[in-house]
Amino acid sequence: MGMTGEQRRRVWRWAVIVWALVVVVAGGLTLWVQDSMEPQGPYVGEQTKPDETPDLPPCPTPEEGLDVACAYVKAD
């Protein structure tokens, strides 16, 4: 009345195939939903007062024997 070894392997093989298909489909759906939820371009930033310099954090003061370099980069 029980399953033979070949039948058991066939059931396991189908279970693994179905599981792999579910993983692939779920991954594809996840990527598709993430892409559709992102805002559409073009991405444009606006500055309220372009003639003013932005408030930058102060450069840290060096401790004795240490050198500190500060660099501020404008990101486009």
Protein backbone atom coordinates (compact mmCIF):
# COMPACT_ATOMS: atom_id res chain seq x y z
CA MET A 1 0.00 0.00 0.00
CA GLY A 2 3.00 2.34 0.50
CA MET A 3 4.94 4.16 -2.20
CA THR A 4 7.93 2.61 -3.84
CA GLY A 5 11.32 4.33 -3.85
CA GLU A 6 10.84 5.49 -7.46
CA GLN A 7 7.43 7.03 -6.70
CA ARG A 8 8.82 8.80 -3.66
CA ARG A 9 11.68 10.28 -5.73
CA ARG A 10 9.19 11.40 -8.39
CA VAL A 11 7.07 13.18 -5.76
CA TRP A 12 10.14 14.88 -4.30
CA ARG A 13 11.34 15.90 -7.77
CA TRP A 14 7.97 17.51 -8.56
CA ALA A 15 7.92 19.21 -5.15
CA VAL A 16 11.36 20.73 -5.79
CA ILE A 17 10.39 21.84 -9.32
CA VAL A 18 7.18 23.49 -8.04
CA TRP A 19 9.09 25.17 -5.20
CA ALA A 20 11.73 26.52 -7.62
CA LEU A 21 9.03 27.89 -9.92
CA VAL A 22 7.29 29.60 -6.99
CA VAL A 23 10.59 31.19 -5.93
CA VAL A 24 11.33 32.46 -9.46
CA VAL A 25 7.81 33.85 -9.96
CA ALA A 26 7.76 35.51 -6.53
CA GLY A 27 11.18 37.10 -7.16
CA GLY A 28 10.04 38.41 -10.54
CA LEU A 29 6.85 39.83 -9.05
CA THR A 30 8.83 41.49 -6.27
CA LEU A 31 11.15 43.21 -8.75
CA TRP A 32 8.22 44.24 -10.95
CA VAL A 33 6.27 45.73 -8.03
CA GLN A 34 9.34 47.58 -6.73
CA ASP A 35 10.01 49.09 -10.17
CA SER A 36 6.39 50.16 -10.60
CA MET A 37 6.33 51.85 -7.18
CA GLU A 38 9.31 54.12 -7.89
CA PRO A 39 8.49 57.62 -9.13
CA GLN A 40 8.96 58.22 -12.82
CA GLY A 41 11.87 60.46 -13.89
CA PRO A 42 13.31 62.89 -14.69
CA TYR A 43 14.63 63.58 -11.21
CA VAL A 44 15.17 67.30 -10.74
CA GLY A 45 16.20 68.98 -7.51
CA GLU A 46 15.20 72.55 -6.79
CA GLN A 47 17.06 75.06 -4.70
CA THR A 48 15.01 77.78 -3.05
CA LYS A 49 17.82 80.38 -2.98
CA PRO A 50 20.58 79.45 -5.43
CA ASP A 51 22.71 82.52 -4.60
CA GLU A 52 23.12 81.50 -0.93
CA THR A 53 25.73 79.00 0.16
CA PRO A 54 24.26 76.00 1.96
CA ASP A 55 24.80 75.51 5.68
CA LEU A 56 27.72 73.13 5.98
CA PRO A 57 28.76 71.32 9.13
CA PRO A 58 31.94 72.70 10.72
CA CYS A 59 35.21 70.96 10.01
CA PRO A 60 36.33 69.07 13.13
CA THR A 61 39.22 70.51 15.10
CA PRO A 62 42.29 68.29 15.06
CA GLU A 63 43.62 66.75 18.22
CA GLU A 64 47.27 67.09 19.02
CA GLY A 65 49.40 65.42 16.35
CA LEU A 66 46.49 64.69 13.99
CA ASP A 67 45.69 66.27 10.64
CA VAL A 68 42.13 66.86 9.48
CA ALA A 69 41.04 67.57 5.92
CA CYS A 70 37.51 68.68 5.07
CA ALA A 71 36.09 68.47 1.58
CA TYR A 72 32.59 69.42 0.51
CA VAL A 73 31.31 68.18 -2.82
CA LYS A 74 28.27 69.43 -4.65
CA ALA A 75 26.30 66.40 -5.79
CA ASP A 76 24.43 66.72 -9.05
